[in-house]
C-alpha atoms as a PDB file:
ATOM      1  CA  MET A   1     -32.693 -23.676   4.221  1.00  0.00           C
ATOM      2  CA  GLY A   2     -28.985 -24.608   3.598  1.00  0.00           C
ATOM      3  CA  ASP A   3     -26.450 -24.814   6.110  1.00  0.00           C
ATOM      4  CA  ARG A   4     -25.023 -21.609   7.475  1.00  0.00           C
ATOM      5  CA  VAL A   5     -21.443 -20.786   5.898  1.00  0.00           C
ATOM      6  CA  ALA A   6     -19.028 -20.588   8.814  1.00  0.00           C
ATOM      7  CA  ASP A   7     -17.782 -17.009   9.260  1.00  0.00           C
ATOM      8  CA  PRO A   8     -13.960 -16.550   7.980  1.00  0.00           C
ATOM      9  CA  THR A   9     -11.369 -16.758  10.704  1.00  0.00           C
ATOM     10  CA  ALA A  10      -8.696 -14.356  11.062  1.00  0.00           C
ATOM     11  CA  GLY A  11      -5.851 -16.884   9.681  1.00  0.00           C
ATOM     12  CA  ALA A  12      -8.070 -17.552   6.673  1.00  0.00           C
ATOM     13  CA  ILE A  13      -8.477 -13.832   5.796  1.00  0.00           C
ATOM     14  CA  VAL A  14      -4.456 -13.337   6.321  1.00  0.00           C
ATOM     15  CA  THR A  15      -3.560 -16.260   4.293  1.00  0.00           C
ATOM     16  CA  ARG A  16      -5.549 -15.080   1.367  1.00  0.00           C
ATOM     17  CA  THR A  17      -3.564 -11.843   1.529  1.00  0.00           C
ATOM     18  CA  LEU A  18      -0.222 -13.778   1.614  1.00  0.00           C
ATOM     19  CA  GLU A  19      -1.074 -15.765  -1.384  1.00  0.00           C
ATOM     20  CA  GLY A  20      -1.932 -12.563  -3.042  1.00  0.00           C
ATOM     21  CA  LEU A  21       1.268 -10.922  -2.015  1.00  0.00           C
ATOM     22  CA  ALA A  22       3.381 -14.308  -3.286  1.00  0.00           C
ATOM     23  CA  ALA A  23       1.621 -13.748  -6.673  1.00  0.00           C
ATOM     24  CA  LYS A  24       2.664 -10.077  -6.499  1.00  0.00           C
ATOM     25  CA  PHE A  25       6.244 -11.162  -5.708  1.00  0.00           C
ATOM     26  CA  ASP A  26       6.575 -13.331  -8.426  1.00  0.00           C
ATOM     27  CA  GLU A  27       5.158 -10.686 -11.045  1.00  0.00           C
ATOM     28  CA  THR A  28       7.122  -7.827  -9.792  1.00  0.00           C
ATOM     29  CA  GLU A  29      10.591 -10.152  -9.428  1.00  0.00           C
ATOM     30  CA  GLN A  30      10.058 -10.990 -13.258  1.00  0.00           C
ATOM     31  CA  ARG A  31       9.906  -7.037 -14.019  1.00  0.00           C
ATOM     32  CA  MET A  32      12.944  -6.334 -11.922  1.00  0.00           C
ATOM     33  CA  LEU A  33      14.943  -9.156 -13.550  1.00  0.00           C
ATOM     34  CA  ARG A  34      14.124  -8.029 -17.250  1.00  0.00           C
ATOM     35  CA  GLY A  35      15.459  -4.481 -16.242  1.00  0.00           C
ATOM     36  CA  ASP A  36      13.320  -2.543 -18.803  1.00  0.00           C
ATOM     37  CA  ASP A  37      10.932  -1.323 -16.436  1.00  0.00           C
ATOM     38  CA  PRO A  38      12.042   1.798 -14.487  1.00  0.00           C
ATOM     39  CA  GLU A  39       9.537   0.895 -11.657  1.00  0.00           C
ATOM     40  CA  GLY A  40      10.409  -2.906 -11.855  1.00  0.00           C
ATOM     41  CA  THR A  41      12.938  -2.795  -8.711  1.00  0.00           C
ATOM     42  CA  HIS A  42      10.752  -0.104  -6.768  1.00  0.00           C
ATOM     43  CA  ASP A  43       7.616  -2.293  -7.187  1.00  0.00           C
ATOM     44  CA  HIS A  44       9.545  -5.720  -6.080  1.00  0.00           C
ATOM     45  CA  ARG A  45      11.084  -4.246  -3.118  1.00  0.00           C
ATOM     46  CA  THR A  46       7.713  -2.653  -2.163  1.00  0.00           C
ATOM     47  CA  THR A  47       6.128  -6.167  -2.338  1.00  0.00           C
ATOM     48  CA  VAL A  48       8.867  -7.491  -0.228  1.00  0.00           C
ATOM     49  CA  ARG A  49       8.164  -4.735   2.343  1.00  0.00           C
ATOM     50  CA  ARG A  50       4.381  -5.553   2.266  1.00  0.00           C
ATOM     51  CA  VAL A  51       4.941  -9.169   2.843  1.00  0.00           C
ATOM     52  CA  ARG A  52       7.212  -8.523   5.848  1.00  0.00           C
ATOM     53  CA  SER A  53       4.745  -5.989   7.283  1.00  0.00           C
ATOM     54  CA  VAL A  54       1.970  -8.303   6.995  1.00  0.00           C
ATOM     55  CA  LEU A  55       3.755 -11.214   8.496  1.00  0.00           C
ATOM     56  CA  ALA A  56       4.958  -8.980  11.619  1.00  0.00           C
ATOM     57  CA  ALA A  57       1.302  -7.362  12.112  1.00  0.00           C
ATOM     58  CA  TYR A  58      -0.166 -10.727  12.157  1.00  0.00           C
ATOM     59  CA  ARG A  59       2.678 -12.800  13.390  1.00  0.00           C
ATOM     60  CA  GLY A  60       0.351 -14.052  16.262  1.00  0.00           C
ATOM     61  CA  LEU A  61      -1.606 -16.194  14.026  1.00  0.00           C
ATOM     62  CA  PHE A  62       1.383 -18.320  12.798  1.00  0.00           C
ATOM     63  CA  ASP A  63       4.123 -20.147  14.079  1.00  0.00           C
ATOM     64  CA  SER A  64       6.436 -17.737  15.314  1.00  0.00           C
ATOM     65  CA  ALA A  65       9.814 -19.165  14.445  1.00  0.00           C
ATOM     66  CA  ALA A  66       8.480 -19.666  10.720  1.00  0.00           C
ATOM     67  CA  VAL A  67       7.405 -15.862  10.721  1.00  0.00           C
ATOM     68  CA  LYS A  68      10.935 -14.965  12.227  1.00  0.00           C
ATOM     69  CA  ARG A  69      12.862 -17.007   9.528  1.00  0.00           C
ATOM     70  CA  LEU A  70      10.811 -15.789   6.536  1.00  0.00           C
ATOM     71  CA  ARG A  71      10.669 -12.085   7.641  1.00  0.00           C
ATOM     72  CA  SER A  72      14.642 -12.374   8.163  1.00  0.00           C
ATOM     73  CA  GLU A  73      15.326 -13.863   4.520  1.00  0.00           C
ATOM     74  CA  LEU A  74      13.218 -11.295   3.021  1.00  0.00           C
ATOM     75  CA  LYS A  75      14.988  -8.633   5.104  1.00  0.00           C
ATOM     76  CA  VAL A  76      18.227  -9.701   3.337  1.00  0.00           C
ATOM     77  CA  TRP A  77      16.645  -9.978  -0.142  1.00  0.00           C
ATOM     78  CA  GLY A  78      14.951  -6.465   0.259  1.00  0.00           C
ATOM     79  CA  GLY A  79      18.453  -5.145   1.503  1.00  0.00           C
ATOM     80  CA  VAL A  80      19.797  -6.092  -1.928  1.00  0.00           C
ATOM     81  CA  LEU A  81      17.107  -4.414  -3.808  1.00  0.00           C
ATOM     82  CA  GLY A  82      17.397  -1.437  -1.438  1.00  0.00           C
ATOM     83  CA  VAL A  83      21.008  -0.872  -2.701  1.00  0.00           C
ATOM     84  CA  VAL A  84      19.667  -0.608  -6.257  1.00  0.00           C
ATOM     85  CA  ARG A  85      16.680   1.463  -5.372  1.00  0.00           C
ATOM     86  CA  ASP A  86      18.357   3.914  -3.496  1.00  0.00           C
ATOM     87  CA  ILE A  87      20.906   4.775  -5.911  1.00  0.00           C
ATOM     88  CA  GLU A  88      18.132   5.019  -8.456  1.00  0.00           C
ATOM     89  CA  VAL A  89      16.126   7.374  -6.298  1.00  0.00           C
ATOM     90  CA  GLY A  90      19.424   9.501  -5.671  1.00  0.00           C
ATOM     91  CA  ALA A  91      19.817   9.966  -9.411  1.00  0.00           C
ATOM     92  CA  ASP A  92      16.107  10.829 -10.091  1.00  0.00           C
ATOM     93  CA  LEU A  93      16.268  13.539  -7.224  1.00  0.00           C
ATOM     94  CA  ALA A  94      19.389  14.982  -8.166  1.00  0.00           C
ATOM     95  CA  GLU A  95      17.988  15.273 -11.730  1.00  0.00           C
ATOM     96  CA  ALA A  96      14.868  16.854 -10.595  1.00  0.00           C
ATOM     97  CA  ALA A  97      16.762  19.201  -8.230  1.00  0.00           C
ATOM     98  CA  ILE A  98      18.783  20.336 -11.368  1.00  0.00           C
ATOM     99  CA  ASP A  99      15.740  20.843 -13.486  1.00  0.00           C
ATOM    100  CA  SER A 100      14.229  22.898 -10.865  1.00  0.00           C
ATOM    101  CA  ALA A 101      17.193  25.268 -10.740  1.00  0.00           C
ATOM    102  CA  ASP A 102      16.226  25.846 -14.395  1.00  0.00           C
ATOM    103  CA  GLY A 103      18.897  23.492 -15.776  1.00  0.00           C
ATOM    104  CA  GLN A 104      21.956  25.998 -14.794  1.00  0.00           C
ATOM    105  CA  ALA A 105      23.854  23.571 -13.328  1.00  0.00           C
ATOM    106  CA  GLY A 106      26.792  22.677 -15.612  1.00  0.00           C
ATOM    107  CA  ALA A 107      27.593  19.312 -17.233  1.00  0.00           C
ATOM    108  CA  PRO A 108      30.041  18.349 -14.731  1.00  0.00           C
ATOM    109  CA  VAL A 109      27.539  18.637 -11.851  1.00  0.00           C
ATOM    110  CA  ARG A 110      25.053  16.434 -14.043  1.00  0.00           C
ATOM    111  CA  ARG A 111      27.671  14.171 -14.736  1.00  0.00           C
ATOM    112  CA  ARG A 112      28.608  13.368 -11.039  1.00  0.00           C
ATOM    113  CA  LEU A 113      25.227  13.546  -9.415  1.00  0.00           C
ATOM    114  CA  VAL A 114      23.322  11.940 -12.324  1.00  0.00           C
ATOM    115  CA  GLU A 115      24.967  10.093 -15.043  1.00  0.00           C
ATOM    116  CA  GLN A 116      27.352   8.368 -12.564  1.00  0.00           C
ATOM    117  CA  GLU A 117      24.666   7.402 -10.341  1.00  0.00           C
ATOM    118  CA  ARG A 118      22.670   5.870 -13.174  1.00  0.00           C
ATOM    119  CA  GLU A 119      25.551   3.682 -14.119  1.00  0.00           C
ATOM    120  CA  ALA A 120      26.149   2.731 -10.364  1.00  0.00           C
ATOM    121  CA  ALA A 121      22.526   1.889 -10.224  1.00  0.00           C
ATOM    122  CA  GLU A 122      22.782  -0.557 -13.164  1.00  0.00           C
ATOM    123  CA  ARG A 123      25.895  -2.241 -11.657  1.00  0.00           C
ATOM    124  CA  ALA A 124      24.049  -2.712  -8.423  1.00  0.00           C
ATOM    125  CA  ARG A 125      21.138  -4.243 -10.237  1.00  0.00           C
ATOM    126  CA  GLY A 126      23.339  -6.849 -12.097  1.00  0.00           C
ATOM    127  CA  ARG A 127      24.909  -7.527  -8.803  1.00  0.00           C
ATOM    128  CA  ALA A 128      21.027  -8.078  -7.504  1.00  0.00           C
ATOM    129  CA  VAL A 129      20.583 -10.414 -10.220  1.00  0.00           C
ATOM    130  CA  VAL A 130      23.344 -12.398  -9.432  1.00  0.00           C
ATOM    131  CA  VAL A 131      22.261 -12.716  -5.749  1.00  0.00           C
ATOM    132  CA  HIS A 132      19.086 -13.542  -7.135  1.00  0.00           C
ATOM    133  CA  ASP A 133      20.267 -16.735  -8.568  1.00  0.00           C
ATOM    134  CA  GLY A 134      22.323 -17.969  -5.530  1.00  0.00           C
ATOM    135  CA  GLU A 135      21.093 -20.694  -3.175  1.00  0.00           C
ATOM    136  CA  ARG A 136      20.032 -18.213  -0.228  1.00  0.00           C
ATOM    137  CA  ALA A 137      17.747 -16.192  -2.578  1.00  0.00           C
ATOM    138  CA  ARG A 138      16.459 -19.468  -4.216  1.00  0.00           C
ATOM    139  CA  GLU A 139      15.534 -20.608  -0.692  1.00  0.00           C
ATOM    140  CA  THR A 140      13.830 -17.369   0.318  1.00  0.00           C
ATOM    141  CA  ARG A 141      11.519 -17.719  -2.618  1.00  0.00           C
ATOM    142  CA  ARG A 142      10.688 -21.302  -1.726  1.00  0.00           C
ATOM    143  CA  LEU A 143      10.172 -20.354   1.638  1.00  0.00           C
ATOM    144  CA  LEU A 144       7.567 -17.779   0.785  1.00  0.00           C
ATOM    145  CA  LYS A 145       5.703 -19.799  -1.620  1.00  0.00           C
ATOM    146  CA  ASP A 146       5.447 -22.534   0.981  1.00  0.00           C
ATOM    147  CA  PHE A 147       4.276 -20.335   3.622  1.00  0.00           C
ATOM    148  CA  ALA A 148       1.600 -18.562   1.412  1.00  0.00           C
ATOM    149  CA  ALA A 149       0.468 -22.115   0.173  1.00  0.00           C
ATOM    150  CA  ASP A 150       0.098 -23.682   3.498  1.00  0.00           C
ATOM    151  CA  PRO A 151       1.141 -21.402   6.487  1.00  0.00           C
ATOM    152  CA  PRO A 152       1.833 -23.113   9.794  1.00  0.00           C
ATOM    153  CA  ARG A 153      -0.792 -21.634  11.643  1.00  0.00           C
ATOM    154  CA  ALA A 154      -1.022 -20.899  15.624  1.00  0.00           C
ATOM    155  CA  ALA A 155      -4.234 -21.682  17.540  1.00  0.00           C
ATOM    156  CA  ALA A 156      -5.044 -17.998  17.483  1.00  0.00           C
ATOM    157  CA  ALA A 157      -5.658 -18.321  13.349  1.00  0.00           C
ATOM    158  CA  ASP A 158      -8.821 -19.913  14.180  1.00  0.00           C
ATOM    159  CA  GLU A 159     -10.351 -16.911  15.962  1.00  0.00           C
ATOM    160  CA  PRO A 160     -12.925 -14.806  14.339  1.00  0.00           C
ATOM    161  CA  ALA A 161     -11.676 -12.189  11.971  1.00  0.00           C
ATOM    162  CA  GLU A 162     -12.379  -9.581  14.695  1.00  0.00           C
ATOM    163  CA  ARG A 163      -9.082 -10.309  16.022  1.00  0.00           C
ATOM    164  CA  LEU A 164      -7.267  -8.144  13.195  1.00  0.00           C
ATOM    165  CA  ARG A 165      -8.638  -5.373  14.530  1.00  0.00           C
ATOM    166  CA  LYS A 166      -6.650  -5.860  17.777  1.00  0.00           C
ATOM    167  CA  ALA A 167      -3.556  -6.375  15.544  1.00  0.00           C
ATOM    168  CA  ILE A 168      -4.358  -2.724  13.950  1.00  0.00           C
ATOM    169  CA  ARG A 169      -4.623  -1.269  17.285  1.00  0.00           C
ATOM    170  CA  ARG A 170      -1.187  -2.804  18.285  1.00  0.00           C
ATOM    171  CA  GLU A 171       0.341  -1.154  15.065  1.00  0.00           C
ATOM    172  CA  LEU A 172      -1.177   2.128  16.017  1.00  0.00           C
ATOM    173  CA  ARG A 173       0.427   1.839  19.358  1.00  0.00           C
ATOM    174  CA  ARG A 174       3.617   1.338  18.061  1.00  0.00           C
ATOM    175  CA  THR A 175       3.413   4.107  15.590  1.00  0.00           C
ATOM    176  CA  GLU A 176       2.466   6.238  18.642  1.00  0.00           C
ATOM    177  CA  ARG A 177       5.472   5.175  20.453  1.00  0.00           C
ATOM    178  CA  ALA A 178       7.721   6.056  17.512  1.00  0.00           C
ATOM    179  CA  ALA A 179       6.140   9.333  17.238  1.00  0.00           C
ATOM    180  CA  LEU A 180       6.750  10.147  20.915  1.00  0.00           C
ATOM    181  CA  ALA A 181      10.330   9.146  20.903  1.00  0.00           C
ATOM    182  CA  LEU A 182      11.065  11.374  18.148  1.00  0.00           C
ATOM    183  CA  ASP A 183      14.052  13.963  18.833  1.00  0.00           C
ATOM    184  CA  GLY A 184      14.730  15.397  15.608  1.00  0.00           C
ATOM    185  CA  SER A 185      17.317  13.119  14.348  1.00  0.00           C
ATOM    186  CA  LEU A 186      17.228  11.451  10.990  1.00  0.00           C
ATOM    187  CA  ALA A 187      17.352   7.819  12.764  1.00  0.00           C
ATOM    188  CA  ARG A 188      14.219   8.603  14.908  1.00  0.00           C
ATOM    189  CA  LEU A 189      12.267   9.958  11.847  1.00  0.00           C
ATOM    190  CA  HIS A 190      13.157   7.164   9.900  1.00  0.00           C
ATOM    191  CA  ALA A 191      11.764   4.833  12.690  1.00  0.00           C
ATOM    192  CA  LEU A 192       8.580   6.548  12.849  1.00  0.00           C
ATOM    193  CA  ARG A 193       8.492   6.100   8.737  1.00  0.00           C
ATOM    194  CA  LYS A 194       9.014   2.505   9.122  1.00  0.00           C
ATOM    195  CA  ALA A 195       6.254   2.230  11.735  1.00  0.00           C
ATOM    196  CA  ALA A 196       3.751   4.213   9.633  1.00  0.00           C
ATOM    197  CA  ARG A 197       4.506   2.097   6.582  1.00  0.00           C
ATOM    198  CA  ARG A 198       4.144  -1.160   8.375  1.00  0.00           C
ATOM    199  CA  LEU A 199       0.740   0.043   9.864  1.00  0.00           C
ATOM    200  CA  ARG A 200      -0.494   1.027   6.421  1.00  0.00           C
ATOM    201  CA  TYR A 201       0.273  -2.249   4.863  1.00  0.00           C
ATOM    202  CA  ALA A 202      -1.174  -3.976   7.926  1.00  0.00           C
ATOM    203  CA  VAL A 203      -4.261  -2.217   6.909  1.00  0.00           C
ATOM    204  CA  GLU A 204      -4.110  -2.594   3.030  1.00  0.00           C
ATOM    205  CA  GLY A 205      -3.214  -6.222   3.136  1.00  0.00           C
ATOM    206  CA  PRO A 206      -6.684  -7.498   3.968  1.00  0.00           C
ATOM    207  CA  MET A 207      -8.642  -4.585   2.788  1.00  0.00           C
ATOM    208  CA  ASP A 208      -9.845  -6.083  -0.370  1.00  0.00           C
ATOM    209  CA  ASP A 209     -10.941  -9.032   1.391  1.00  0.00           C
ATOM    210  CA  PRO A 210     -14.970  -8.791   1.594  1.00  0.00           C
ATOM    211  CA  SER A 211     -14.813 -10.902   4.601  1.00  0.00           C
ATOM    212  CA  ALA A 212     -12.330  -8.685   6.484  1.00  0.00           C
ATOM    213  CA  PRO A 213     -13.984  -6.696   9.381  1.00  0.00           C
ATOM    214  CA  PHE A 214     -12.355  -3.467   7.872  1.00  0.00           C
ATOM    215  CA  GLY A 215     -14.808  -0.640   7.293  1.00  0.00           C
ATOM    216  CA  ARG A 216     -14.198   3.150   6.329  1.00  0.00           C
ATOM    217  CA  LYS A 217     -12.643   3.850   9.946  1.00  0.00           C
ATOM    218  CA  ILE A 218      -9.709   1.754   9.478  1.00  0.00           C
ATOM    219  CA  ALA A 219      -9.341   2.205   5.896  1.00  0.00           C
ATOM    220  CA  ARG A 220      -8.581   5.954   7.062  1.00  0.00           C
ATOM    221  CA  VAL A 221      -6.060   4.800   9.631  1.00  0.00           C
ATOM    222  CA  GLY A 222      -4.045   3.358   6.810  1.00  0.00           C
ATOM    223  CA  GLU A 223      -4.680   6.167   4.529  1.00  0.00           C
ATOM    224  CA  ARG A 224      -3.399   8.553   7.349  1.00  0.00           C
ATOM    225  CA  ALA A 225      -0.315   6.466   7.834  1.00  0.00           C
ATOM    226  CA  HIS A 226       0.407   6.331   4.235  1.00  0.00           C
ATOM    227  CA  ALA A 227       0.297  10.360   4.499  1.00  0.00           C
ATOM    228  CA  ILE A 228       2.930  10.083   7.702  1.00  0.00           C
ATOM    229  CA  GLN A 229       5.212   7.657   5.400  1.00  0.00           C
ATOM    230  CA  ARG A 230       4.920   9.867   2.317  1.00  0.00           C
ATOM    231  CA  LEU A 231       5.946  13.073   4.206  1.00  0.00           C
ATOM    232  CA  LEU A 232       8.808  11.305   5.979  1.00  0.00           C
ATOM    233  CA  GLY A 233       9.996   9.738   2.782  1.00  0.00           C
ATOM    234  CA  ASP A 234      10.057  12.971   0.981  1.00  0.00           C
ATOM    235  CA  HIS A 235      11.807  14.638   3.959  1.00  0.00           C
ATOM    236  CA  ARG A 236      14.451  11.462   4.219  1.00  0.00           C
ATOM    237  CA  ASP A 237      15.213  11.642   0.509  1.00  0.00           C
ATOM    238  CA  ALA A 238      15.816  15.322   0.436  1.00  0.00           C
ATOM    239  CA  ALA A 239      17.944  15.283   3.485  1.00  0.00           C
ATOM    240  CA  LEU A 240      20.191  12.417   2.027  1.00  0.00           C
ATOM    241  CA  LEU A 241      20.215  14.443  -1.366  1.00  0.00           C
ATOM    242  CA  ALA A 242      21.695  17.509   0.558  1.00  0.00           C
ATOM    243  CA  GLU A 243      24.541  15.075   1.999  1.00  0.00           C
ATOM    244  CA  ARG A 244      25.352  13.454  -1.075  1.00  0.00           C
ATOM    245  CA  VAL A 245      25.547  16.767  -2.774  1.00  0.00           C
ATOM    246  CA  ASP A 246      27.765  18.294  -0.214  1.00  0.00           C
ATOM    247  CA  ARG A 247      30.137  15.328  -0.547  1.00  0.00           C
ATOM    248  CA  ALA A 248      29.912  15.790  -4.334  1.00  0.00           C
ATOM    249  CA  ALA A 249      30.796  19.276  -3.809  1.00  0.00           C
ATOM    250  CA  ALA A 250      33.884  18.420  -1.707  1.00  0.00           C
ATOM    251  CA  LEU A 251      35.247  15.941  -4.386  1.00  0.00           C
ATOM    252  CA  ALA A 252      34.607  18.891  -7.272  1.00  0.00           C
ATOM    253  CA  ALA A 253      36.455  21.257  -4.978  1.00  0.00           C
ATOM    254  CA  ARG A 254      39.548  18.924  -4.639  1.00  0.00           C
ATOM    255  CA  ASP A 255      39.483  18.650  -8.463  1.00  0.00           C
ATOM    256  CA  GLY A 256      39.432  22.584  -8.699  1.00  0.00           C
ATOM    257  CA  GLU A 257      36.003  22.770  -9.988  1.00  0.00           C
ATOM    258  CA  ASP A 258      33.523  25.695  -9.263  1.00  0.00           C
ATOM    259  CA  VAL A 259      30.983  24.424  -6.440  1.00  0.00           C
ATOM    260  CA  THR A 260      28.501  27.279  -6.843  1.00  0.00           C
ATOM    261  CA  ASP A 261      26.096  24.807  -8.637  1.00  0.00           C
ATOM    262  CA  TYR A 262      26.372  22.340  -5.745  1.00  0.00           C
ATOM    263  CA  GLU A 263      25.660  24.832  -3.113  1.00  0.00           C
ATOM    264  CA  ARG A 264      22.520  25.830  -4.926  1.00  0.00           C
ATOM    265  CA  LEU A 265      21.363  22.330  -5.216  1.00  0.00           C
ATOM    266  CA  ALA A 266      22.253  21.697  -1.841  1.00  0.00           C
ATOM    267  CA  GLY A 267      20.132  24.281  -0.557  1.00  0.00           C
ATOM    268  CA  ILE A 268      17.015  23.495  -2.706  1.00  0.00           C
ATOM    269  CA  ALA A 269      17.400  19.898  -1.050  1.00  0.00           C
ATOM    270  CA  VAL A 270      17.451  21.397   2.365  1.00  0.00           C
ATOM    271  CA  THR A 271      14.470  23.707   1.544  1.00  0.00           C
ATOM    272  CA  ASP A 272      12.413  20.487   0.342  1.00  0.00           C
ATOM    273  CA  ALA A 273      13.367  18.732   3.479  1.00  0.00           C
ATOM    274  CA  ASP A 274      12.132  21.496   5.983  1.00  0.00           C
ATOM    275  CA  ALA A 275       8.944  21.934   3.730  1.00  0.00           C
ATOM    276  CA  ALA A 276       8.257  18.027   4.006  1.00  0.00           C
ATOM    277  CA  LEU A 277       8.839  17.813   7.911  1.00  0.00           C
ATOM    278  CA  ALA A 278       6.626  21.031   8.342  1.00  0.00           C
ATOM    279  CA  GLY A 279       3.321  18.943   7.786  1.00  0.00           C
ATOM    280  CA  LEU A 280       4.324  16.134  10.097  1.00  0.00           C
ATOM    281  CA  ASP A 281       2.394  17.459  13.067  1.00  0.00           C
ATOM    282  CA  ARG A 282      -0.615  17.721  11.524  1.00  0.00           C
ATOM    283  CA  ALA A 283      -0.372  14.305   9.937  1.00  0.00           C
ATOM    284  CA  LEU A 284       0.280  12.832  13.299  1.00  0.00           C
ATOM    285  CA  ALA A 285      -2.962  14.579  14.572  1.00  0.00           C
ATOM    286  CA  ARG A 286      -4.934  13.279  11.606  1.00  0.00           C
ATOM    287  CA  LEU A 287      -3.885   9.732  12.599  1.00  0.00           C
ATOM    288  CA  ARG A 288      -4.516  10.022  16.292  1.00  0.00           C
ATOM    289  CA  SER A 289      -8.099  11.408  15.285  1.00  0.00           C
ATOM    290  CA  ALA A 290      -8.724   8.270  13.225  1.00  0.00           C
ATOM    291  CA  ALA A 291      -7.382   5.980  15.838  1.00  0.00           C
ATOM    292  CA  ARG A 292      -9.573   7.504  18.315  1.00  0.00           C
ATOM    293  CA  LYS A 293     -12.638   6.911  16.225  1.00  0.00           C
ATOM    294  CA  LEU A 294     -11.793   3.391  16.165  1.00  0.00           C
ATOM    295  CA  GLY A 295     -13.251   2.980  19.823  1.00  0.00           C
END
């Protein structure tokens, strides 16, 4: 009988996750830089967020200073991408709202809310490319590559893979605290969304690794965290669109334009925001149910 292969450690599983994410970072980065893929910036920004979330959730497995530095640098780069993506999303949502109003909005409305925003997004993407070519961004990419290839492990990295379950439970508690802190403000809702997103990515990160101790019960936690993230993302997008339409209406009024179309669009956005938020209590209850079943 051959020698028994040692069970994988928690550190080994998360390291493989980071290696995969680093490769995804490179692939989405190239699509973002080409500028010919409408989802390029979105996918690259999402990958940056996934890396940061995995590092945060499993930070106890690695040198704390190295994790902090890499997460901080990735946050800066993610912020650059966020400027581009937020403008893109704003234009897409405005266009969808105009279309949902049977295209009744006039050309000046479409020009302000869609065409000008797409032009602004392209300018922002150009600035992102310039930042990408700078020394700090190059250093960020080097840090990520080196960390994924040979992470500075802490003693906990050698613990059994079961330790990953403890990290998931910690992220669940973090999400629950964010839910309990809700006060109706956009800031608190956004904090809950970020917590749910980090929980989701912490689950999805090692999920495909066959040696990870993640069964159907933990997968369900990730799915229900994703549902919360999606609802709150829809709410935030709609709420911010309503604010942007109101600002555009003020500018239009100053220029002597009829603001009826803007008022109609703002009303659609507010309705969409309310509809998204209406499902939050049920989504939270489903996550809590999944968390209890983890034991």
